[in-house]
Amino acid sequence: MRNVTKDNITDVFMGYLGEGTDPRLREVMGSLVRHLHAFARETNLTHAEWNMGIQFLERAGEISDKERHEFVLLSDVLGLSSLVDMLHNAPEGTSSSVLGPFHITGSPPLHVGGDLRQDFDAPVLLAEGVVRAPDGSPIPGATLDIWQTAPNGLYSSQDPDQDTYSFHGLQTVGDDGRYAFTTVRPVEYTVPSDGPVGDILRACGRHPWRPSHLHYIVEAEGYKPLVTEVFPEDDPYLDQDTVFGVREDLVMRYETRPAGSFPAEGFALSGKVPEDYLAVTFDLTLVPLG
């Protein structure tokens, strides 16, 4: 095509796609380019603005490494990560939520009743629940990849003073589908704002705060994997999560339980919690495949 214009360039692009192009790739790329071209026309995008966008992408690539994923963070703060989650969330199961940029693989085994708190000086939180099917029946053998921030608001991948797998554990439930562990209450924290994504937040008058939460990846044979996080109802950032991760069914309540009431058996900390502690019960519902 020799006569490419601002009005026909989108159609020309589509015409350049070869006949052997995968149909789904054609659909996705076609939609992407149509919206991208429409965006440029609608805003009358200038050369300076286009160049600023290119520089932003270059900076995001430069600051990213195996522990920091700036493009994931960008997707999160633009709401794209949460939108993709919601587009594919099954309504009969627990809502999914964003994975976030701080998950690490290879978490060590954490037996039912195990402890993540270790030597951190913070009140004990007892978390438990049942992994179940939509009909309420337990799912034996389900696994939970669990992770959270330390009391200083940092994940282990951000904090050189923490062990690699601090506040990370992989738990396999028994025939009753019950998971249980002790930890500390997570705290609200800011997403990294020292890079290009932080510049966008500041330019838009937005804060970088996330409400506190526990992360779960739940998997079981014959069921769709669930990536989610649960939030306390009293968190100050519950209604303004900068990555749009909160869902109504993911809000739970921490209850203060009195000294002397901690379970006498079944937990690594049984017999070792003489003071008041926090407790939360949150069930997780998986949806069958197919």
C-alpha atoms as a PDB file:
ATOM      1  CA  MET A   1       0.000   0.000   0.000  1.00  0.00           C
ATOM      2  CA  ARG A   2       1.580   3.254  -1.146  1.00  0.00           C
ATOM      3  CA  ASN A   3      -1.167   5.620  -0.069  1.00  0.00           C
ATOM      4  CA  VAL A   4      -1.273   5.044   3.700  1.00  0.00           C
ATOM      5  CA  THR A   5      -3.302   7.728   5.498  1.00  0.00           C
ATOM      6  CA  LYS A   6      -4.386   8.412   9.057  1.00  0.00           C
ATOM      7  CA  ASP A   7      -7.824   7.116   8.113  1.00  0.00           C
ATOM      8  CA  ASN A   8      -6.856   3.831   6.447  1.00  0.00           C
ATOM      9  CA  ILE A   9      -3.693   2.816   8.357  1.00  0.00           C
ATOM     10  CA  THR A  10      -5.633   0.474  10.666  1.00  0.00           C
ATOM     11  CA  ASP A  11      -7.150  -1.403   7.727  1.00  0.00           C
ATOM     12  CA  VAL A  12      -3.759  -1.506   6.030  1.00  0.00           C
ATOM     13  CA  PHE A  13      -2.265  -3.098   9.145  1.00  0.00           C
ATOM     14  CA  MET A  14      -4.947  -5.778   9.132  1.00  0.00           C
ATOM     15  CA  GLY A  15      -4.259  -6.419   5.459  1.00  0.00           C
ATOM     16  CA  TYR A  16      -0.603  -7.055   6.200  1.00  0.00           C
ATOM     17  CA  LEU A  17      -1.446 -10.030   8.408  1.00  0.00           C
ATOM     18  CA  GLY A  18      -0.671 -13.222   6.531  1.00  0.00           C
ATOM     19  CA  GLU A  19      -3.312 -15.818   5.684  1.00  0.00           C
ATOM     20  CA  GLY A  20      -1.644 -18.323   7.996  1.00  0.00           C
ATOM     21  CA  THR A  21      -1.897 -16.051  11.044  1.00  0.00           C
ATOM     22  CA  ASP A  22      -3.397 -17.828  14.027  1.00  0.00           C
ATOM     23  CA  PRO A  23      -7.074 -16.730  14.283  1.00  0.00           C
ATOM     24  CA  ARG A  24      -6.810 -15.802  17.958  1.00  0.00           C
ATOM     25  CA  LEU A  25      -3.629 -13.823  17.303  1.00  0.00           C
ATOM     26  CA  ARG A  26      -5.401 -12.021  14.460  1.00  0.00           C
ATOM     27  CA  GLU A  27      -8.302 -11.170  16.785  1.00  0.00           C
ATOM     28  CA  VAL A  28      -6.108  -9.946  19.647  1.00  0.00           C
ATOM     29  CA  MET A  29      -3.606  -8.018  17.525  1.00  0.00           C
ATOM     30  CA  GLY A  30      -6.356  -6.532  15.388  1.00  0.00           C
ATOM     31  CA  SER A  31      -8.260  -5.288  18.410  1.00  0.00           C
ATOM     32  CA  LEU A  32      -5.083  -3.978  20.036  1.00  0.00           C
ATOM     33  CA  VAL A  33      -4.059  -1.981  16.974  1.00  0.00           C
ATOM     34  CA  ARG A  34      -7.571  -0.654  16.346  1.00  0.00           C
ATOM     35  CA  HIS A  35      -7.746   0.667  19.910  1.00  0.00           C
ATOM     36  CA  LEU A  36      -4.156   1.946  19.805  1.00  0.00           C
ATOM     37  CA  HIS A  37      -4.761   3.853  16.572  1.00  0.00           C
ATOM     38  CA  ALA A  38      -8.090   5.174  17.877  1.00  0.00           C
ATOM     39  CA  PHE A  39      -6.341   6.375  21.033  1.00  0.00           C
ATOM     40  CA  ALA A  40      -3.756   8.287  19.000  1.00  0.00           C
ATOM     41  CA  ARG A  41      -6.449   9.899  16.850  1.00  0.00           C
ATOM     42  CA  GLU A  42      -8.716  10.749  19.794  1.00  0.00           C
ATOM     43  CA  THR A  43      -5.931  12.437  21.778  1.00  0.00           C
ATOM     44  CA  ASN A  44      -4.120  13.857  18.727  1.00  0.00           C
ATOM     45  CA  LEU A  45      -0.979  12.313  20.205  1.00  0.00           C
ATOM     46  CA  THR A  46       2.100  14.478  19.715  1.00  0.00           C
ATOM     47  CA  HIS A  47       5.641  13.400  18.871  1.00  0.00           C
ATOM     48  CA  ALA A  48       6.799  14.512  22.316  1.00  0.00           C
ATOM     49  CA  GLU A  49       4.093  12.452  24.042  1.00  0.00           C
ATOM     50  CA  TRP A  50       4.823   9.434  21.864  1.00  0.00           C
ATOM     51  CA  ASN A  51       8.530   9.739  22.715  1.00  0.00           C
ATOM     52  CA  MET A  52       7.699  10.048  26.429  1.00  0.00           C
ATOM     53  CA  GLY A  53       5.745   6.796  26.191  1.00  0.00           C
ATOM     54  CA  ILE A  54       8.662   5.021  24.519  1.00  0.00           C
ATOM     55  CA  GLN A  55      11.025   6.294  27.208  1.00  0.00           C
ATOM     56  CA  PHE A  56       8.635   5.067  29.886  1.00  0.00           C
ATOM     57  CA  LEU A  57       8.670   1.550  28.426  1.00  0.00           C
ATOM     58  CA  GLU A  58      12.458   1.616  28.178  1.00  0.00           C
ATOM     59  CA  ARG A  59      12.743   2.665  31.830  1.00  0.00           C
ATOM     60  CA  ALA A  60      10.299  -0.060  32.903  1.00  0.00           C
ATOM     61  CA  GLY A  61      12.467  -2.630  31.142  1.00  0.00           C
ATOM     62  CA  GLU A  62      15.679  -1.279  32.646  1.00  0.00           C
ATOM     63  CA  ILE A  63      14.409  -1.370  36.236  1.00  0.00           C
ATOM     64  CA  SER A  64      12.928  -4.874  35.939  1.00  0.00           C
ATOM     65  CA  ASP A  65      14.807  -7.975  37.046  1.00  0.00           C
ATOM     66  CA  LYS A  66      14.008 -11.433  38.400  1.00  0.00           C
ATOM     67  CA  GLU A  67      12.690  -9.910  41.634  1.00  0.00           C
ATOM     68  CA  ARG A  68      11.072  -6.708  40.355  1.00  0.00           C
ATOM     69  CA  HIS A  69       8.503  -6.868  37.565  1.00  0.00           C
ATOM     70  CA  GLU A  70       7.708  -3.273  36.620  1.00  0.00           C
ATOM     71  CA  PHE A  71       5.452  -4.268  33.714  1.00  0.00           C
ATOM     72  CA  VAL A  72       3.343  -6.418  36.044  1.00  0.00           C
ATOM     73  CA  LEU A  73       3.156  -3.471  38.426  1.00  0.00           C
ATOM     74  CA  LEU A  74       2.073  -1.229  35.554  1.00  0.00           C
ATOM     75  CA  SER A  75      -0.663  -3.701  34.623  1.00  0.00           C
ATOM     76  CA  ASP A  76      -1.750  -3.769  38.276  1.00  0.00           C
ATOM     77  CA  VAL A  77      -2.037   0.000  38.800  1.00  0.00           C
ATOM     78  CA  LEU A  78      -3.858   0.457  35.475  1.00  0.00           C
ATOM     79  CA  GLY A  79      -6.446  -2.107  36.569  1.00  0.00           C
ATOM     80  CA  LEU A  80      -5.648  -4.471  33.703  1.00  0.00           C
ATOM     81  CA  SER A  81      -4.536  -7.346  35.948  1.00  0.00           C
ATOM     82  CA  SER A  82      -7.750  -7.163  37.972  1.00  0.00           C
ATOM     83  CA  LEU A  83      -9.911  -6.826  34.860  1.00  0.00           C
ATOM     84  CA  VAL A  84      -8.421  -9.989  33.338  1.00  0.00           C
ATOM     85  CA  ASP A  85      -9.043 -11.773  36.647  1.00  0.00           C
ATOM     86  CA  MET A  86     -12.666 -10.659  36.731  1.00  0.00           C
ATOM     87  CA  LEU A  87     -13.284 -11.557  33.083  1.00  0.00           C
ATOM     88  CA  HIS A  88     -12.369 -15.178  33.804  1.00  0.00           C
ATOM     89  CA  ASN A  89     -13.573 -15.595  37.381  1.00  0.00           C
ATOM     90  CA  ALA A  90     -16.244 -18.270  37.894  1.00  0.00           C
ATOM     91  CA  PRO A  91     -19.087 -16.762  39.976  1.00  0.00           C
ATOM     92  CA  GLU A  92     -19.703 -19.978  41.903  1.00  0.00           C
ATOM     93  CA  GLY A  93     -16.169 -19.956  43.319  1.00  0.00           C
ATOM     94  CA  THR A  94     -14.119 -17.669  45.516  1.00  0.00           C
ATOM     95  CA  SER A  95     -13.179 -14.519  43.611  1.00  0.00           C
ATOM     96  CA  SER A  96      -9.714 -14.352  42.152  1.00  0.00           C
ATOM     97  CA  SER A  97      -7.453 -11.369  42.740  1.00  0.00           C
ATOM     98  CA  VAL A  98      -4.117 -10.116  41.511  1.00  0.00           C
ATOM     99  CA  LEU A  99      -0.996 -12.256  41.838  1.00  0.00           C
ATOM    100  CA  GLY A 100       1.147  -9.172  42.285  1.00  0.00           C
ATOM    101  CA  PRO A 101       4.848  -8.795  41.479  1.00  0.00           C
ATOM    102  CA  PHE A 102       6.264 -10.397  44.652  1.00  0.00           C
ATOM    103  CA  HIS A 103       5.308 -14.070  44.391  1.00  0.00           C
ATOM    104  CA  ILE A 104       8.251 -16.473  44.383  1.00  0.00           C
ATOM    105  CA  THR A 105       8.140 -20.166  43.534  1.00  0.00           C
ATOM    106  CA  GLY A 106       9.459 -23.058  45.561  1.00  0.00           C
ATOM    107  CA  SER A 107       7.919 -22.252  48.936  1.00  0.00           C
ATOM    108  CA  PRO A 108       8.914 -24.768  51.645  1.00  0.00           C
ATOM    109  CA  PRO A 109       6.359 -27.277  52.979  1.00  0.00           C
ATOM    110  CA  LEU A 110       4.120 -25.993  55.755  1.00  0.00           C
ATOM    111  CA  HIS A 111       2.199 -28.694  57.590  1.00  0.00           C
ATOM    112  CA  VAL A 112      -1.391 -28.064  58.668  1.00  0.00           C
ATOM    113  CA  GLY A 113      -1.024 -26.073  61.878  1.00  0.00           C
ATOM    114  CA  GLY A 114       2.463 -24.904  60.926  1.00  0.00           C
ATOM    115  CA  ASP A 115       3.941 -21.510  61.778  1.00  0.00           C
ATOM    116  CA  LEU A 116       5.092 -18.647  59.542  1.00  0.00           C
ATOM    117  CA  ARG A 117       5.608 -16.099  62.349  1.00  0.00           C
ATOM    118  CA  GLN A 118       8.838 -17.652  63.607  1.00  0.00           C
ATOM    119  CA  ASP A 119      10.868 -15.075  65.569  1.00  0.00           C
ATOM    120  CA  PHE A 120       9.110 -11.917  64.414  1.00  0.00           C
ATOM    121  CA  ASP A 121       7.925  -9.796  67.316  1.00  0.00           C
ATOM    122  CA  ALA A 122       4.233  -9.298  66.530  1.00  0.00           C
ATOM    123  CA  PRO A 123       0.939 -10.710  67.848  1.00  0.00           C
ATOM    124  CA  VAL A 124       0.050 -14.192  66.650  1.00  0.00           C
ATOM    125  CA  LEU A 125      -2.583 -14.591  63.938  1.00  0.00           C
ATOM    126  CA  LEU A 126      -4.283 -17.980  63.598  1.00  0.00           C
ATOM    127  CA  ALA A 127      -5.682 -18.430  60.065  1.00  0.00           C
ATOM    128  CA  GLU A 128      -7.772 -21.418  59.056  1.00  0.00           C
ATOM    129  CA  GLY A 129     -10.566 -22.535  56.772  1.00  0.00           C
ATOM    130  CA  VAL A 130     -11.722 -25.272  54.427  1.00  0.00           C
ATOM    131  CA  VAL A 131     -10.949 -25.736  50.731  1.00  0.00           C
ATOM    132  CA  ARG A 132     -14.243 -26.870  49.259  1.00  0.00           C
ATOM    133  CA  ALA A 133     -16.216 -27.464  46.082  1.00  0.00           C
ATOM    134  CA  PRO A 134     -19.215 -25.301  45.122  1.00  0.00           C
ATOM    135  CA  ASP A 135     -21.544 -27.816  46.819  1.00  0.00           C
ATOM    136  CA  GLY A 136     -19.694 -27.296  50.105  1.00  0.00           C
ATOM    137  CA  SER A 137     -17.900 -30.637  50.181  1.00  0.00           C
ATOM    138  CA  PRO A 138     -14.198 -30.550  51.191  1.00  0.00           C
ATOM    139  CA  ILE A 139     -11.505 -31.104  48.568  1.00  0.00           C
ATOM    140  CA  PRO A 140      -8.906 -33.548  49.938  1.00  0.00           C
ATOM    141  CA  GLY A 141      -5.293 -33.025  48.923  1.00  0.00           C
ATOM    142  CA  ALA A 142      -5.647 -29.401  47.796  1.00  0.00           C
ATOM    143  CA  THR A 143      -2.468 -27.340  48.054  1.00  0.00           C
ATOM    144  CA  LEU A 144      -2.173 -23.737  49.223  1.00  0.00           C
ATOM    145  CA  ASP A 145       0.790 -21.569  48.332  1.00  0.00           C
ATOM    146  CA  ILE A 146       0.669 -18.905  51.067  1.00  0.00           C
ATOM    147  CA  TRP A 147       2.650 -15.675  51.311  1.00  0.00           C
ATOM    148  CA  GLN A 148       2.450 -12.217  52.853  1.00  0.00           C
ATOM    149  CA  THR A 149       4.414  -9.188  54.022  1.00  0.00           C
ATOM    150  CA  ALA A 150       6.475  -9.120  57.171  1.00  0.00           C
ATOM    151  CA  PRO A 151       5.505  -6.672  59.961  1.00  0.00           C
ATOM    152  CA  ASN A 152       7.739  -4.044  58.323  1.00  0.00           C
ATOM    153  CA  GLY A 153       5.501  -4.039  55.233  1.00  0.00           C
ATOM    154  CA  LEU A 154       8.046  -5.750  52.979  1.00  0.00           C
ATOM    155  CA  TYR A 155       7.957  -9.073  51.166  1.00  0.00           C
ATOM    156  CA  SER A 156      11.027 -11.239  51.507  1.00  0.00           C
ATOM    157  CA  SER A 157      12.010 -10.530  47.891  1.00  0.00           C
ATOM    158  CA  GLN A 158      12.214  -6.814  48.773  1.00  0.00           C
ATOM    159  CA  ASP A 159      14.040  -7.146  52.068  1.00  0.00           C
ATOM    160  CA  PRO A 160      17.670  -8.299  52.317  1.00  0.00           C
ATOM    161  CA  ASP A 161      17.228  -8.820  56.066  1.00  0.00           C
ATOM    162  CA  GLN A 162      14.618 -11.555  55.563  1.00  0.00           C
ATOM    163  CA  ASP A 163      15.253 -15.138  54.519  1.00  0.00           C
ATOM    164  CA  THR A 164      14.257 -15.943  50.938  1.00  0.00           C
ATOM    165  CA  TYR A 165      11.122 -17.791  52.001  1.00  0.00           C
ATOM    166  CA  SER A 166      10.212 -15.719  55.030  1.00  0.00           C
ATOM    167  CA  PHE A 167       6.396 -15.710  55.343  1.00  0.00           C
ATOM    168  CA  HIS A 168       6.023 -18.224  52.500  1.00  0.00           C
ATOM    169  CA  GLY A 169       4.695 -21.762  52.822  1.00  0.00           C
ATOM    170  CA  LEU A 170       3.145 -24.558  50.771  1.00  0.00           C
ATOM    171  CA  GLN A 171       0.448 -26.480  52.621  1.00  0.00           C
ATOM    172  CA  THR A 172      -1.385 -29.660  51.576  1.00  0.00           C
ATOM    173  CA  VAL A 173      -4.751 -30.251  53.238  1.00  0.00           C
ATOM    174  CA  GLY A 174      -6.042 -33.586  54.483  1.00  0.00           C
ATOM    175  CA  ASP A 175      -9.289 -35.431  53.782  1.00  0.00           C
ATOM    176  CA  ASP A 176     -11.271 -32.768  55.620  1.00  0.00           C
ATOM    177  CA  GLY A 177     -10.016 -30.019  53.285  1.00  0.00           C
ATOM    178  CA  ARG A 178      -8.918 -27.934  56.276  1.00  0.00           C
ATOM    179  CA  TYR A 179      -5.960 -25.594  56.124  1.00  0.00           C
ATOM    180  CA  ALA A 180      -4.510 -23.888  59.194  1.00  0.00           C
ATOM    181  CA  PHE A 181      -1.396 -21.962  60.082  1.00  0.00           C
ATOM    182  CA  THR A 182      -0.109 -19.269  62.407  1.00  0.00           C
ATOM    183  CA  THR A 183       1.501 -16.046  61.282  1.00  0.00           C
ATOM    184  CA  VAL A 184       1.306 -12.327  62.045  1.00  0.00           C
ATOM    185  CA  ARG A 185      -1.249  -9.869  60.783  1.00  0.00           C
ATOM    186  CA  PRO A 186      -0.057  -8.463  57.441  1.00  0.00           C
ATOM    187  CA  VAL A 187       0.199  -4.685  57.235  1.00  0.00           C
ATOM    188  CA  GLU A 188      -0.801  -2.234  54.543  1.00  0.00           C
ATOM    189  CA  TYR A 189       2.099  -1.217  52.321  1.00  0.00           C
ATOM    190  CA  THR A 190       3.032   0.817  49.276  1.00  0.00           C
ATOM    191  CA  VAL A 191       3.779  -0.672  45.883  1.00  0.00           C
ATOM    192  CA  PRO A 192       7.231   0.334  44.609  1.00  0.00           C
ATOM    193  CA  SER A 193       7.039   3.976  43.585  1.00  0.00           C
ATOM    194  CA  ASP A 194      10.690   4.741  42.862  1.00  0.00           C
ATOM    195  CA  GLY A 195      10.394   3.838  39.181  1.00  0.00           C
ATOM    196  CA  PRO A 196       8.351   4.833  36.138  1.00  0.00           C
ATOM    197  CA  VAL A 197       5.103   3.397  37.552  1.00  0.00           C
ATOM    198  CA  GLY A 198       5.538   5.616  40.604  1.00  0.00           C
ATOM    199  CA  ASP A 199       5.924   8.600  38.286  1.00  0.00           C
ATOM    200  CA  ILE A 200       2.557   7.781  36.717  1.00  0.00           C
ATOM    201  CA  LEU A 201       0.882   7.490  40.113  1.00  0.00           C
ATOM    202  CA  ARG A 202       2.200  10.862  41.222  1.00  0.00           C
ATOM    203  CA  ALA A 203       1.332  12.548  37.934  1.00  0.00           C
ATOM    204  CA  CYS A 204      -2.249  11.279  38.285  1.00  0.00           C
ATOM    205  CA  GLY A 205      -2.536  12.357  41.932  1.00  0.00           C
ATOM    206  CA  ARG A 206      -2.807   8.747  43.106  1.00  0.00           C
ATOM    207  CA  HIS A 207      -1.314   7.106  46.196  1.00  0.00           C
ATOM    208  CA  PRO A 208       0.680   3.844  46.075  1.00  0.00           C
ATOM    209  CA  TRP A 209      -0.998   2.111  49.054  1.00  0.00           C
ATOM    210  CA  ARG A 210      -2.451  -1.383  49.203  1.00  0.00           C
ATOM    211  CA  PRO A 211      -4.632  -2.721  52.036  1.00  0.00           C
ATOM    212  CA  SER A 212      -3.105  -5.530  54.066  1.00  0.00           C
ATOM    213  CA  HIS A 213      -3.826  -9.051  52.838  1.00  0.00           C
ATOM    214  CA  LEU A 214      -2.939 -12.727  52.833  1.00  0.00           C
ATOM    215  CA  HIS A 215      -2.081 -14.269  49.443  1.00  0.00           C
ATOM    216  CA  TYR A 216      -3.211 -17.736  48.344  1.00  0.00           C
ATOM    217  CA  ILE A 217      -2.704 -19.858  45.270  1.00  0.00           C
ATOM    218  CA  VAL A 218      -5.009 -22.854  45.699  1.00  0.00           C
ATOM    219  CA  GLU A 219      -4.794 -25.913  43.455  1.00  0.00           C
ATOM    220  CA  ALA A 220      -6.428 -29.342  43.383  1.00  0.00           C
ATOM    221  CA  GLU A 221      -6.706 -32.070  40.783  1.00  0.00           C
ATOM    222  CA  GLY A 222      -9.822 -31.618  38.663  1.00  0.00           C
ATOM    223  CA  TYR A 223     -10.342 -27.965  39.692  1.00  0.00           C
ATOM    224  CA  LYS A 224      -9.383 -24.599  38.267  1.00  0.00           C
ATOM    225  CA  PRO A 225      -6.446 -23.017  40.138  1.00  0.00           C
ATOM    226  CA  LEU A 226      -7.368 -20.014  42.257  1.00  0.00           C
ATOM    227  CA  VAL A 227      -5.076 -17.023  42.731  1.00  0.00           C
ATOM    228  CA  THR A 228      -6.524 -14.725  45.362  1.00  0.00           C
ATOM    229  CA  GLU A 229      -5.937 -12.583  48.443  1.00  0.00           C
ATOM    230  CA  VAL A 230      -8.087 -11.789  51.469  1.00  0.00           C
ATOM    231  CA  PHE A 231      -8.431  -8.436  53.215  1.00  0.00           C
ATOM    232  CA  PRO A 232      -9.496  -7.341  56.730  1.00  0.00           C
ATOM    233  CA  GLU A 233     -12.686  -5.300  56.925  1.00  0.00           C
ATOM    234  CA  ASP A 234     -11.065  -2.587  59.054  1.00  0.00           C
ATOM    235  CA  ASP A 235      -8.161  -1.727  56.765  1.00  0.00           C
ATOM    236  CA  PRO A 236      -7.949   2.007  55.938  1.00  0.00           C
ATOM    237  CA  TYR A 237      -7.169   1.311  52.266  1.00  0.00           C
ATOM    238  CA  LEU A 238      -9.884  -1.260  51.663  1.00  0.00           C
ATOM    239  CA  ASP A 239     -11.879   1.148  49.476  1.00  0.00           C
ATOM    240  CA  GLN A 240      -8.917   2.598  47.606  1.00  0.00           C
ATOM    241  CA  ASP A 241      -6.588  -0.261  46.739  1.00  0.00           C
ATOM    242  CA  THR A 242      -4.151   1.135  44.188  1.00  0.00           C
ATOM    243  CA  VAL A 243      -4.152  -2.151  42.217  1.00  0.00           C
ATOM    244  CA  PHE A 244      -7.953  -2.693  42.349  1.00  0.00           C
ATOM    245  CA  GLY A 245      -7.644  -6.118  44.009  1.00  0.00           C
ATOM    246  CA  VAL A 246     -10.468  -5.985  46.578  1.00  0.00           C
ATOM    247  CA  ARG A 247     -13.657  -8.003  45.995  1.00  0.00           C
ATOM    248  CA  GLU A 248     -16.614  -8.072  48.364  1.00  0.00           C
ATOM    249  CA  ASP A 249     -16.337 -11.806  49.052  1.00  0.00           C
ATOM    250  CA  LEU A 250     -12.615 -11.484  49.875  1.00  0.00           C
ATOM    251  CA  VAL A 251     -13.201  -9.242  52.890  1.00  0.00           C
ATOM    252  CA  MET A 252     -12.896 -10.996  56.243  1.00  0.00           C
ATOM    253  CA  ARG A 253     -12.671 -10.161  59.941  1.00  0.00           C
ATOM    254  CA  TYR A 254      -9.853 -10.627  62.403  1.00  0.00           C
ATOM    255  CA  GLU A 255     -11.184 -11.490  65.856  1.00  0.00           C
ATOM    256  CA  THR A 256      -9.243 -10.958  69.067  1.00  0.00           C
ATOM    257  CA  ARG A 257      -9.297 -14.065  71.233  1.00  0.00           C
ATOM    258  CA  PRO A 258      -8.362 -14.028  74.911  1.00  0.00           C
ATOM    259  CA  ALA A 259      -5.214 -15.348  76.491  1.00  0.00           C
ATOM    260  CA  GLY A 260      -5.437 -19.014  77.361  1.00  0.00           C
ATOM    261  CA  SER A 261      -7.809 -19.898  74.500  1.00  0.00           C
ATOM    262  CA  PHE A 262      -5.218 -20.849  71.881  1.00  0.00           C
ATOM    263  CA  PRO A 263      -5.745 -24.480  70.761  1.00  0.00           C
ATOM    264  CA  ALA A 264      -3.930 -26.857  73.094  1.00  0.00           C
ATOM    265  CA  GLU A 265      -2.893 -29.118  70.219  1.00  0.00           C
ATOM    266  CA  GLY A 266      -2.712 -29.243  66.446  1.00  0.00           C
ATOM    267  CA  PHE A 267      -0.496 -26.192  65.973  1.00  0.00           C
ATOM    268  CA  ALA A 268       3.249 -25.659  66.078  1.00  0.00           C
ATOM    269  CA  LEU A 269       2.582 -22.898  68.627  1.00  0.00           C
ATOM    270  CA  SER A 270       0.214 -24.920  70.822  1.00  0.00           C
ATOM    271  CA  GLY A 271       1.175 -24.296  74.430  1.00  0.00           C
ATOM    272  CA  LYS A 272       3.317 -21.313  73.413  1.00  0.00           C
ATOM    273  CA  VAL A 273       0.750 -18.487  73.096  1.00  0.00           C
ATOM    274  CA  PRO A 274      -0.061 -17.210  76.593  1.00  0.00           C
ATOM    275  CA  GLU A 275      -1.318 -13.805  75.434  1.00  0.00           C
ATOM    276  CA  ASP A 276      -4.298 -12.539  73.398  1.00  0.00           C
ATOM    277  CA  TYR A 277      -4.098 -13.441  69.716  1.00  0.00           C
ATOM    278  CA  LEU A 278      -5.949 -12.793  66.466  1.00  0.00           C
ATOM    279  CA  ALA A 279      -7.933 -15.375  64.535  1.00  0.00           C
ATOM    280  CA  VAL A 280      -9.610 -15.488  61.139  1.00  0.00           C
ATOM    281  CA  THR A 281     -11.614 -18.210  59.389  1.00  0.00           C
ATOM    282  CA  PHE A 282     -11.895 -18.003  55.618  1.00  0.00           C
ATOM    283  CA  ASP A 283     -13.119 -20.821  53.370  1.00  0.00           C
ATOM    284  CA  LEU A 284     -11.937 -21.119  49.771  1.00  0.00           C
ATOM    285  CA  THR A 285     -14.189 -22.491  47.022  1.00  0.00           C
ATOM    286  CA  LEU A 286     -12.684 -24.021  43.872  1.00  0.00           C
ATOM    287  CA  VAL A 287     -14.576 -24.562  40.615  1.00  0.00           C
ATOM    288  CA  PRO A 288     -14.337 -27.883  38.710  1.00  0.00           C
ATOM    289  CA  LEU A 289     -12.575 -27.947  35.351  1.00  0.00           C
ATOM    290  CA  GLY A 290     -14.634 -28.202  32.209  1.00  0.00           C
END
